[in-house]
């Protein structure tokens, strides 16, 4: 709601949208999902992802898009807590 009155809606920015609106029963499934999203946007913006680490790939992606487009990148993350809430009763991180 803050952005509604505090954002220049005339300017266009590259947007990376991630929605965790599905169920992940294993960490590997979540990581594969994130990698698929990273690859989708890397292809769209013609950015090379240099790392195998899922977190570092996010940095590669955002910095690569910024360098390619010359604008700050908007990262929208929806339902970020769903994977946690779906698995909070499980032990371990496997």
PDB file of N, CA and C in Angstrom:
ATOM      1  N   UNK A   1       0.821  -1.189   0.000  1.00  0.00           N
ATOM      2  CA  UNK A   1       0.000   0.000   0.000  1.00  0.00           C
ATOM      3  C   UNK A   1       0.868   1.258   0.000  1.00  0.00           C
ATOM      4  N   UNK A   2       2.030   1.163   0.628  1.00  0.00           N
ATOM      5  CA  UNK A   2       2.935   2.304   0.679  1.00  0.00           C
ATOM      6  C   UNK A   2       3.310   2.771  -0.721  1.00  0.00           C
ATOM      7  N   UNK A   3       3.561   1.827  -1.609  1.00  0.00           N
ATOM      8  CA  UNK A   3       4.026   2.175  -2.951  1.00  0.00           C
ATOM      9  C   UNK A   3       2.989   2.934  -3.771  1.00  0.00           C
ATOM     10  N   UNK A   4       1.736   2.742  -3.478  1.00  0.00           N
ATOM     11  CA  UNK A   4       0.691   3.386  -4.277  1.00  0.00           C
ATOM     12  C   UNK A   4       0.916   4.888  -4.396  1.00  0.00           C
ATOM     13  N   UNK A   5       1.277   5.537  -3.306  1.00  0.00           N
ATOM     14  CA  UNK A   5       1.474   6.990  -3.321  1.00  0.00           C
ATOM     15  C   UNK A   5       2.941   7.396  -3.315  1.00  0.00           C
ATOM     16  N   UNK A   6       3.848   6.438  -3.273  1.00  0.00           N
ATOM     17  CA  UNK A   6       5.265   6.750  -3.165  1.00  0.00           C
ATOM     18  C   UNK A   6       6.085   6.091  -4.275  1.00  0.00           C
ATOM     19  N   UNK A   7       5.520   5.951  -5.439  1.00  0.00           N
ATOM     20  CA  UNK A   7       6.187   5.287  -6.558  1.00  0.00           C
ATOM     21  C   UNK A   7       5.888   6.062  -7.821  1.00  0.00           C
ATOM     22  N   UNK A   8       6.877   6.231  -8.663  1.00  0.00           N
ATOM     23  CA  UNK A   8       6.661   6.878  -9.946  1.00  0.00           C
ATOM     24  C   UNK A   8       6.148   5.827 -10.921  1.00  0.00           C
ATOM     25  N   UNK A   9       4.859   5.812 -11.124  1.00  0.00           N
ATOM     26  CA  UNK A   9       4.220   4.789 -11.952  1.00  0.00           C
ATOM     27  C   UNK A   9       4.460   5.011 -13.446  1.00  0.00           C
ATOM     28  N   UNK A  10       5.056   6.136 -13.809  1.00  0.00           N
ATOM     29  CA  UNK A  10       5.367   6.413 -15.217  1.00  0.00           C
ATOM     30  C   UNK A  10       6.626   5.676 -15.670  1.00  0.00           C
ATOM     31  N   UNK A  11       7.549   5.394 -14.743  1.00  0.00           N
ATOM     32  CA  UNK A  11       8.789   4.704 -15.090  1.00  0.00           C
ATOM     33  C   UNK A  11       8.558   3.198 -15.167  1.00  0.00           C
ATOM     34  N   UNK A  12       9.231   2.569 -16.107  1.00  0.00           N
ATOM     35  CA  UNK A  12       9.139   1.120 -16.277  1.00  0.00           C
ATOM     36  C   UNK A  12      10.407   0.477 -15.736  1.00  0.00           C
ATOM     37  N   UNK A  13      10.236  -0.590 -14.978  1.00  0.00           N
ATOM     38  CA  UNK A  13      11.346  -1.325 -14.406  1.00  0.00           C
ATOM     39  C   UNK A  13      11.215  -2.805 -14.771  1.00  0.00           C
ATOM     40  N   UNK A  14      12.354  -3.495 -14.901  1.00  0.00           N
ATOM     41  CA  UNK A  14      12.257  -4.947 -15.107  1.00  0.00           C
ATOM     42  C   UNK A  14      11.740  -5.602 -13.826  1.00  0.00           C
ATOM     43  N   UNK A  15      10.869  -6.575 -13.993  1.00  0.00           N
ATOM     44  CA  UNK A  15      10.243  -7.233 -12.846  1.00  0.00           C
ATOM     45  C   UNK A  15      10.543  -8.728 -12.890  1.00  0.00           C
ATOM     46  N   UNK A  16      10.980  -9.257 -11.742  1.00  0.00           N
ATOM     47  CA  UNK A  16      11.129 -10.696 -11.549  1.00  0.00           C
ATOM     48  C   UNK A  16      10.079 -11.075 -10.518  1.00  0.00           C
ATOM     49  N   UNK A  17       9.155 -11.926 -10.922  1.00  0.00           N
ATOM     50  CA  UNK A  17       8.052 -12.320 -10.039  1.00  0.00           C
ATOM     51  C   UNK A  17       8.206 -13.781  -9.644  1.00  0.00           C
ATOM     52  N   UNK A  18       8.143 -14.008  -8.335  1.00  0.00           N
ATOM     53  CA  UNK A  18       8.232 -15.362  -7.788  1.00  0.00           C
ATOM     54  C   UNK A  18       7.026 -15.563  -6.886  1.00  0.00           C
ATOM     55  N   UNK A  19       6.290 -16.629  -7.117  1.00  0.00           N
ATOM     56  CA  UNK A  19       5.149 -16.940  -6.260  1.00  0.00           C
ATOM     57  C   UNK A  19       5.278 -18.381  -5.777  1.00  0.00           C
ATOM     58  N   UNK A  20       5.335 -18.528  -4.474  1.00  0.00           N
ATOM     59  CA  UNK A  20       5.441 -19.850  -3.861  1.00  0.00           C
ATOM     60  C   UNK A  20       4.051 -20.383  -3.519  1.00  0.00           C
ATOM     61  N   UNK A  21       3.145 -20.310  -4.471  1.00  0.00           N
ATOM     62  CA  UNK A  21       1.752 -20.691  -4.244  1.00  0.00           C
ATOM     63  C   UNK A  21       1.492 -22.171  -4.515  1.00  0.00           C
ATOM     64  N   UNK A  22       2.510 -22.981  -4.388  1.00  0.00           N
ATOM     65  CA  UNK A  22       2.374 -24.420  -4.557  1.00  0.00           C
ATOM     66  C   UNK A  22       2.963 -25.104  -3.330  1.00  0.00           C
ATOM     67  N   UNK A  23       2.831 -26.404  -3.229  1.00  0.00           N
ATOM     68  CA  UNK A  23       3.319 -27.137  -2.060  1.00  0.00           C
ATOM     69  C   UNK A  23       4.622 -27.857  -2.404  1.00  0.00           C
ATOM     70  N   UNK A  24       5.582 -27.728  -1.525  1.00  0.00           N
ATOM     71  CA  UNK A  24       6.875 -28.391  -1.668  1.00  0.00           C
ATOM     72  C   UNK A  24       7.061 -29.290  -0.461  1.00  0.00           C
ATOM     73  N   UNK A  25       7.240 -30.577  -0.698  1.00  0.00           N
ATOM     74  CA  UNK A  25       7.416 -31.497   0.419  1.00  0.00           C
ATOM     75  C   UNK A  25       8.894 -31.749   0.729  1.00  0.00           C
ATOM     76  N   UNK A  26       9.758 -31.349  -0.197  1.00  0.00           N
ATOM     77  CA  UNK A  26      11.192 -31.545  -0.001  1.00  0.00           C
ATOM     78  C   UNK A  26      11.945 -30.287  -0.406  1.00  0.00           C
ATOM     79  N   UNK A  27      13.061 -30.055   0.258  1.00  0.00           N
ATOM     80  CA  UNK A  27      13.889 -28.896  -0.057  1.00  0.00           C
ATOM     81  C   UNK A  27      14.326 -28.916  -1.520  1.00  0.00           C
ATOM     82  N   UNK A  28      14.651 -30.094  -2.034  1.00  0.00           N
ATOM     83  CA  UNK A  28      15.105 -30.207  -3.421  1.00  0.00           C
ATOM     84  C   UNK A  28      14.026 -29.703  -4.396  1.00  0.00           C
ATOM     85  N   UNK A  29      12.769 -30.008  -4.119  1.00  0.00           N
ATOM     86  CA  UNK A  29      11.671 -29.531  -4.975  1.00  0.00           C
ATOM     87  C   UNK A  29      11.618 -28.009  -4.987  1.00  0.00           C
ATOM     88  N   UNK A  30      11.792 -27.417  -3.821  1.00  0.00           N
ATOM     89  CA  UNK A  30      11.786 -25.957  -3.710  1.00  0.00           C
ATOM     90  C   UNK A  30      12.950 -25.361  -4.501  1.00  0.00           C
ATOM     91  N   UNK A  31      14.137 -25.930  -4.351  1.00  0.00           N
ATOM     92  CA  UNK A  31      15.300 -25.431  -5.077  1.00  0.00           C
ATOM     93  C   UNK A  31      15.134 -25.579  -6.587  1.00  0.00           C
ATOM     94  N   UNK A  32      14.571 -26.697  -7.035  1.00  0.00           N
ATOM     95  CA  UNK A  32      14.329 -26.894  -8.473  1.00  0.00           C
ATOM     96  C   UNK A  32      13.334 -25.860  -9.006  1.00  0.00           C
ATOM     97  N   UNK A  33      12.338 -25.540  -8.212  1.00  0.00           N
ATOM     98  CA  UNK A  33      11.348 -24.530  -8.576  1.00  0.00           C
ATOM     99  C   UNK A  33      12.017 -23.161  -8.732  1.00  0.00           C
ATOM    100  N   UNK A  34      12.862 -22.812  -7.766  1.00  0.00           N
ATOM    101  CA  UNK A  34      13.555 -21.521  -7.818  1.00  0.00           C
ATOM    102  C   UNK A  34      14.492 -21.470  -9.022  1.00  0.00           C
ATOM    103  N   UNK A  35      15.219 -22.547  -9.272  1.00  0.00           N
ATOM    104  CA  UNK A  35      16.132 -22.598 -10.421  1.00  0.00           C
ATOM    105  C   UNK A  35      15.348 -22.429 -11.727  1.00  0.00           C
ATOM    106  N   UNK A  36      14.200 -23.036 -11.839  1.00  0.00           N
ATOM    107  CA  UNK A  36      13.378 -22.900 -13.057  1.00  0.00           C
ATOM    108  C   UNK A  36      12.963 -21.445 -13.265  1.00  0.00           C
ATOM    109  N   UNK A  37      12.599 -20.769 -12.196  1.00  0.00           N
ATOM    110  CA  UNK A  37      12.226 -19.352 -12.310  1.00  0.00           C
ATOM    111  C   UNK A  37      13.446 -18.519 -12.710  1.00  0.00           C
ATOM    112  N   UNK A  38      14.587 -18.793 -12.085  1.00  0.00           N
ATOM    113  CA  UNK A  38      15.811 -18.069 -12.425  1.00  0.00           C
ATOM    114  C   UNK A  38      16.148 -18.252 -13.899  1.00  0.00           C
ATOM    115  N   UNK A  39      16.053 -19.473 -14.382  1.00  0.00           N
ATOM    116  CA  UNK A  39      16.385 -19.751 -15.785  1.00  0.00           C
ATOM    117  C   UNK A  39      15.404 -19.065 -16.738  1.00  0.00           C
ATOM    118  N   UNK A  40      14.138 -19.019 -16.349  1.00  0.00           N
ATOM    119  CA  UNK A  40      13.132 -18.340 -17.178  1.00  0.00           C
ATOM    120  C   UNK A  40      13.505 -16.871 -17.364  1.00  0.00           C
ATOM    121  N   UNK A  41      13.821 -16.184 -16.280  1.00  0.00           N
ATOM    122  CA  UNK A  41      14.142 -14.760 -16.372  1.00  0.00           C
ATOM    123  C   UNK A  41      15.526 -14.525 -16.972  1.00  0.00           C
ATOM    124  N   UNK A  42      16.460 -15.431 -16.729  1.00  0.00           N
ATOM    125  CA  UNK A  42      17.781 -15.305 -17.349  1.00  0.00           C
ATOM    126  C   UNK A  42      17.645 -15.379 -18.869  1.00  0.00           C
ATOM    127  N   UNK A  43      16.813 -16.288 -19.337  1.00  0.00           N
ATOM    128  CA  UNK A  43      16.584 -16.416 -20.778  1.00  0.00           C
ATOM    129  C   UNK A  43      15.875 -15.176 -21.323  1.00  0.00           C
ATOM    130  N   UNK A  44      14.850 -14.724 -20.610  1.00  0.00           N
ATOM    131  CA  UNK A  44      14.081 -13.556 -21.060  1.00  0.00           C
ATOM    132  C   UNK A  44      14.967 -12.319 -21.196  1.00  0.00           C
ATOM    133  N   UNK A  45      15.873 -12.109 -20.238  1.00  0.00           N
ATOM    134  CA  UNK A  45      16.715 -10.919 -20.247  1.00  0.00           C
ATOM    135  C   UNK A  45      18.116 -11.187 -20.802  1.00  0.00           C
ATOM    136  N   UNK A  46      18.342 -12.417 -21.304  1.00  0.00           N
ATOM    137  CA  UNK A  46      19.628 -12.799 -21.894  1.00  0.00           C
ATOM    138  C   UNK A  46      20.775 -12.567 -20.912  1.00  0.00           C
ATOM    139  N   UNK A  47      20.621 -13.147 -19.725  1.00  0.00           N
ATOM    140  CA  UNK A  47      21.610 -13.032 -18.659  1.00  0.00           C
ATOM    141  C   UNK A  47      22.212 -14.402 -18.396  1.00  0.00           C
ATOM    142  N   UNK A  48      23.525 -14.438 -18.212  1.00  0.00           N
ATOM    143  CA  UNK A  48      24.209 -15.690 -17.899  1.00  0.00           C
ATOM    144  C   UNK A  48      24.292 -15.844 -16.382  1.00  0.00           C
ATOM    145  N   UNK A  49      23.861 -17.007 -15.889  1.00  0.00           N
ATOM    146  CA  UNK A  49      23.943 -17.312 -14.467  1.00  0.00           C
ATOM    147  C   UNK A  49      25.221 -18.096 -14.229  1.00  0.00           C
ATOM    148  N   UNK A  50      26.142 -17.527 -13.455  1.00  0.00           N
ATOM    149  CA  UNK A  50      27.486 -18.090 -13.311  1.00  0.00           C
ATOM    150  C   UNK A  50      27.644 -19.054 -12.146  1.00  0.00           C
ATOM    151  N   UNK A  51      26.678 -19.170 -11.290  1.00  0.00           N
ATOM    152  CA  UNK A  51      26.831 -19.991 -10.092  1.00  0.00           C
ATOM    153  C   UNK A  51      25.860 -21.163 -10.105  1.00  0.00           C
ATOM    154  N   UNK A  52      26.216 -22.199  -9.368  1.00  0.00           N
ATOM    155  CA  UNK A  52      25.298 -23.325  -9.170  1.00  0.00           C
ATOM    156  C   UNK A  52      24.498 -23.147  -7.885  1.00  0.00           C
ATOM    157  N   UNK A  53      24.968 -22.290  -6.982  1.00  0.00           N
ATOM    158  CA  UNK A  53      24.296 -22.049  -5.708  1.00  0.00           C
ATOM    159  C   UNK A  53      23.043 -21.214  -5.948  1.00  0.00           C
ATOM    160  N   UNK A  54      21.920 -21.697  -5.485  1.00  0.00           N
ATOM    161  CA  UNK A  54      20.635 -21.075  -5.795  1.00  0.00           C
ATOM    162  C   UNK A  54      20.571 -19.617  -5.314  1.00  0.00           C
ATOM    163  N   UNK A  55      21.151 -19.319  -4.177  1.00  0.00           N
ATOM    164  CA  UNK A  55      21.151 -17.945  -3.672  1.00  0.00           C
ATOM    165  C   UNK A  55      22.042 -17.024  -4.481  1.00  0.00           C
ATOM    166  N   UNK A  56      23.220 -17.513  -4.846  1.00  0.00           N
ATOM    167  CA  UNK A  56      24.127 -16.708  -5.657  1.00  0.00           C
ATOM    168  C   UNK A  56      23.565 -16.476  -7.057  1.00  0.00           C
ATOM    169  N   UNK A  57      22.805 -17.432  -7.544  1.00  0.00           N
ATOM    170  CA  UNK A  57      22.167 -17.264  -8.851  1.00  0.00           C
ATOM    171  C   UNK A  57      21.168 -16.109  -8.826  1.00  0.00           C
ATOM    172  N   UNK A  58      20.507 -15.900  -7.688  1.00  0.00           N
ATOM    173  CA  UNK A  58      19.605 -14.749  -7.564  1.00  0.00           C
ATOM    174  C   UNK A  58      20.378 -13.449  -7.727  1.00  0.00           C
ATOM    175  N   UNK A  59      21.545 -13.388  -7.089  1.00  0.00           N
ATOM    176  CA  UNK A  59      22.388 -12.198  -7.207  1.00  0.00           C
ATOM    177  C   UNK A  59      22.834 -12.020  -8.655  1.00  0.00           C
ATOM    178  N   UNK A  60      23.306 -13.114  -9.290  1.00  0.00           N
ATOM    179  CA  UNK A  60      23.697 -13.060 -10.708  1.00  0.00           C
ATOM    180  C   UNK A  60      22.559 -12.540 -11.569  1.00  0.00           C
ATOM    181  N   UNK A  61      21.375 -13.063 -11.332  1.00  0.00           N
ATOM    182  CA  UNK A  61      20.210 -12.695 -12.136  1.00  0.00           C
ATOM    183  C   UNK A  61      19.881 -11.215 -11.990  1.00  0.00           C
ATOM    184  N   UNK A  62      19.760 -10.752 -10.765  1.00  0.00           N
ATOM    185  CA  UNK A  62      19.369  -9.354 -10.531  1.00  0.00           C
ATOM    186  C   UNK A  62      20.442  -8.401 -11.039  1.00  0.00           C
ATOM    187  N   UNK A  63      21.710  -8.688 -10.729  1.00  0.00           N
ATOM    188  CA  UNK A  63      22.788  -7.827 -11.220  1.00  0.00           C
ATOM    189  C   UNK A  63      22.887  -7.875 -12.740  1.00  0.00           C
ATOM    190  N   UNK A  64      22.691  -9.061 -13.316  1.00  0.00           N
ATOM    191  CA  UNK A  64      22.752  -9.198 -14.766  1.00  0.00           C
ATOM    192  C   UNK A  64      21.648  -8.421 -15.462  1.00  0.00           C
ATOM    193  N   UNK A  65      20.445  -8.493 -14.929  1.00  0.00           N
ATOM    194  CA  UNK A  65      19.328  -7.734 -15.516  1.00  0.00           C
ATOM    195  C   UNK A  65      19.604  -6.243 -15.396  1.00  0.00           C
ATOM    196  N   UNK A  66      20.088  -5.825 -14.236  1.00  0.00           N
ATOM    197  CA  UNK A  66      20.407  -4.401 -14.031  1.00  0.00           C
ATOM    198  C   UNK A  66      21.443  -3.928 -15.045  1.00  0.00           C
ATOM    199  N   UNK A  67      22.493  -4.708 -15.248  1.00  0.00           N
ATOM    200  CA  UNK A  67      23.535  -4.330 -16.205  1.00  0.00           C
ATOM    201  C   UNK A  67      23.000  -4.310 -17.636  1.00  0.00           C
ATOM    202  N   UNK A  68      22.112  -5.232 -17.948  1.00  0.00           N
ATOM    203  CA  UNK A  68      21.556  -5.342 -19.302  1.00  0.00           C
ATOM    204  C   UNK A  68      20.590  -4.186 -19.610  1.00  0.00           C
ATOM    205  N   UNK A  69      19.719  -3.873 -18.639  1.00  0.00           N
ATOM    206  CA  UNK A  69      18.646  -2.911 -18.862  1.00  0.00           C
ATOM    207  C   UNK A  69      19.022  -1.506 -18.381  1.00  0.00           C
ATOM    208  N   UNK A  70      19.907  -1.443 -17.401  1.00  0.00           N
ATOM    209  CA  UNK A  70      20.301  -0.135 -16.869  1.00  0.00           C
ATOM    210  C   UNK A  70      19.299   0.458 -15.898  1.00  0.00           C
ATOM    211  N   UNK A  71      18.447  -0.385 -15.356  1.00  0.00           N
ATOM    212  CA  UNK A  71      17.448   0.058 -14.369  1.00  0.00           C
ATOM    213  C   UNK A  71      17.441  -0.899 -13.200  1.00  0.00           C
ATOM    214  N   UNK A  72      17.073  -0.373 -12.044  1.00  0.00           N
ATOM    215  CA  UNK A  72      16.926  -1.239 -10.888  1.00  0.00           C
ATOM    216  C   UNK A  72      15.862  -2.293 -11.174  1.00  0.00           C
ATOM    217  N   UNK A  73      16.018  -3.439 -10.558  1.00  0.00           N
ATOM    218  CA  UNK A  73      15.121  -4.574 -10.784  1.00  0.00           C
ATOM    219  C   UNK A  73      14.136  -4.667  -9.630  1.00  0.00           C
ATOM    220  N   UNK A  74      12.869  -4.848  -9.970  1.00  0.00           N
ATOM    221  CA  UNK A  74      11.832  -5.067  -8.968  1.00  0.00           C
ATOM    222  C   UNK A  74      11.690  -6.574  -8.776  1.00  0.00           C
ATOM    223  N   UNK A  75      11.869  -7.033  -7.550  1.00  0.00           N
ATOM    224  CA  UNK A  75      11.731  -8.450  -7.213  1.00  0.00           C
ATOM    225  C   UNK A  75      10.465  -8.609  -6.385  1.00  0.00           C
ATOM    226  N   UNK A  76       9.461  -9.238  -6.969  1.00  0.00           N
ATOM    227  CA  UNK A  76       8.197  -9.469  -6.273  1.00  0.00           C
ATOM    228  C   UNK A  76       8.153 -10.921  -5.818  1.00  0.00           C
ATOM    229  N   UNK A  77       8.008 -11.113  -4.517  1.00  0.00           N
ATOM    230  CA  UNK A  77       7.930 -12.459  -3.964  1.00  0.00           C
ATOM    231  C   UNK A  77       6.594 -12.593  -3.253  1.00  0.00           C
ATOM    232  N   UNK A  78       5.763 -13.496  -3.755  1.00  0.00           N
ATOM    233  CA  UNK A  78       4.434 -13.719  -3.201  1.00  0.00           C
ATOM    234  C   UNK A  78       4.417 -15.072  -2.489  1.00  0.00           C
ATOM    235  N   UNK A  79       3.712 -15.140  -1.403  1.00  0.00           N
ATOM    236  CA  UNK A  79       3.566 -16.383  -0.634  1.00  0.00           C
ATOM    237  C   UNK A  79       4.922 -16.913  -0.156  1.00  0.00           C
ATOM    238  N   UNK A  80       5.826 -16.004   0.205  1.00  0.00           N
ATOM    239  CA  UNK A  80       7.179 -16.409   0.611  1.00  0.00           C
ATOM    240  C   UNK A  80       7.186 -17.337   1.813  1.00  0.00           C
ATOM    241  N   UNK A  81       6.165 -17.245   2.647  1.00  0.00           N
ATOM    242  CA  UNK A  81       6.142 -18.053   3.869  1.00  0.00           C
ATOM    243  C   UNK A  81       5.461 -19.410   3.689  1.00  0.00           C
ATOM    244  N   UNK A  82       4.843 -19.657   2.541  1.00  0.00           N
ATOM    245  CA  UNK A  82       4.103 -20.900   2.345  1.00  0.00           C
ATOM    246  C   UNK A  82       4.980 -22.151   2.472  1.00  0.00           C
ATOM    247  N   UNK A  83       6.165 -22.206   1.849  1.00  0.00           N
ATOM    248  CA  UNK A  83       6.996 -23.407   2.022  1.00  0.00           C
ATOM    249  C   UNK A  83       7.372 -23.656   3.490  1.00  0.00           C
ATOM    250  N   UNK A  84       7.562 -22.597   4.236  1.00  0.00           N
ATOM    251  CA  UNK A  84       7.891 -22.743   5.657  1.00  0.00           C
ATOM    252  C   UNK A  84       6.686 -23.289   6.416  1.00  0.00           C
ATOM    253  N   UNK A  85       5.544 -22.676   6.213  1.00  0.00           N
ATOM    254  CA  UNK A  85       4.336 -23.096   6.930  1.00  0.00           C
ATOM    255  C   UNK A  85       3.919 -24.518   6.561  1.00  0.00           C
ATOM    256  N   UNK A  86       4.120 -24.898   5.300  1.00  0.00           N
ATOM    257  CA  UNK A  86       3.763 -26.251   4.870  1.00  0.00           C
ATOM    258  C   UNK A  86       4.636 -27.327   5.509  1.00  0.00           C
ATOM    259  N   UNK A  87       5.834 -26.940   5.944  1.00  0.00           N
ATOM    260  CA  UNK A  87       6.795 -27.921   6.440  1.00  0.00           C
ATOM    261  C   UNK A  87       7.257 -27.679   7.865  1.00  0.00           C
ATOM    262  N   UNK A  88       6.623 -26.790   8.581  1.00  0.00           N
ATOM    263  CA  UNK A  88       7.085 -26.382   9.886  1.00  0.00           C
ATOM    264  C   UNK A  88       7.067 -27.527  10.908  1.00  0.00           C
ATOM    265  N   UNK A  89       6.198 -28.500  10.725  1.00  0.00           N
ATOM    266  CA  UNK A  89       6.100 -29.617  11.664  1.00  0.00           C
ATOM    267  C   UNK A  89       7.106 -30.733  11.372  1.00  0.00           C
ATOM    268  N   UNK A  90       7.747 -30.681  10.214  1.00  0.00           N
ATOM    269  CA  UNK A  90       8.712 -31.724   9.836  1.00  0.00           C
ATOM    270  C   UNK A  90      10.052 -31.455  10.485  1.00  0.00           C
ATOM    271  N   UNK A  91      10.795 -32.519  10.767  1.00  0.00           N
ATOM    272  CA  UNK A  91      12.137 -32.360  11.311  1.00  0.00           C
ATOM    273  C   UNK A  91      13.151 -32.483  10.185  1.00  0.00           C
ATOM    274  N   UNK A  92      14.267 -31.802  10.305  1.00  0.00           N
ATOM    275  CA  UNK A  92      15.297 -31.853   9.295  1.00  0.00           C
ATOM    276  C   UNK A  92      14.989 -30.940   8.133  1.00  0.00           C
ATOM    277  N   UNK A  93      15.926 -30.883   7.168  1.00  0.00           N
ATOM    278  CA  UNK A  93      15.737 -30.018   6.011  1.00  0.00           C
ATOM    279  C   UNK A  93      15.818 -30.792   4.708  1.00  0.00           C
ATOM    280  N   UNK A  94      15.773 -32.111   4.757  1.00  0.00           N
ATOM    281  CA  UNK A  94      15.933 -32.965   3.580  1.00  0.00           C
ATOM    282  C   UNK A  94      14.909 -32.785   2.581  1.00  0.00           C
TER     283      UNK A  94
END
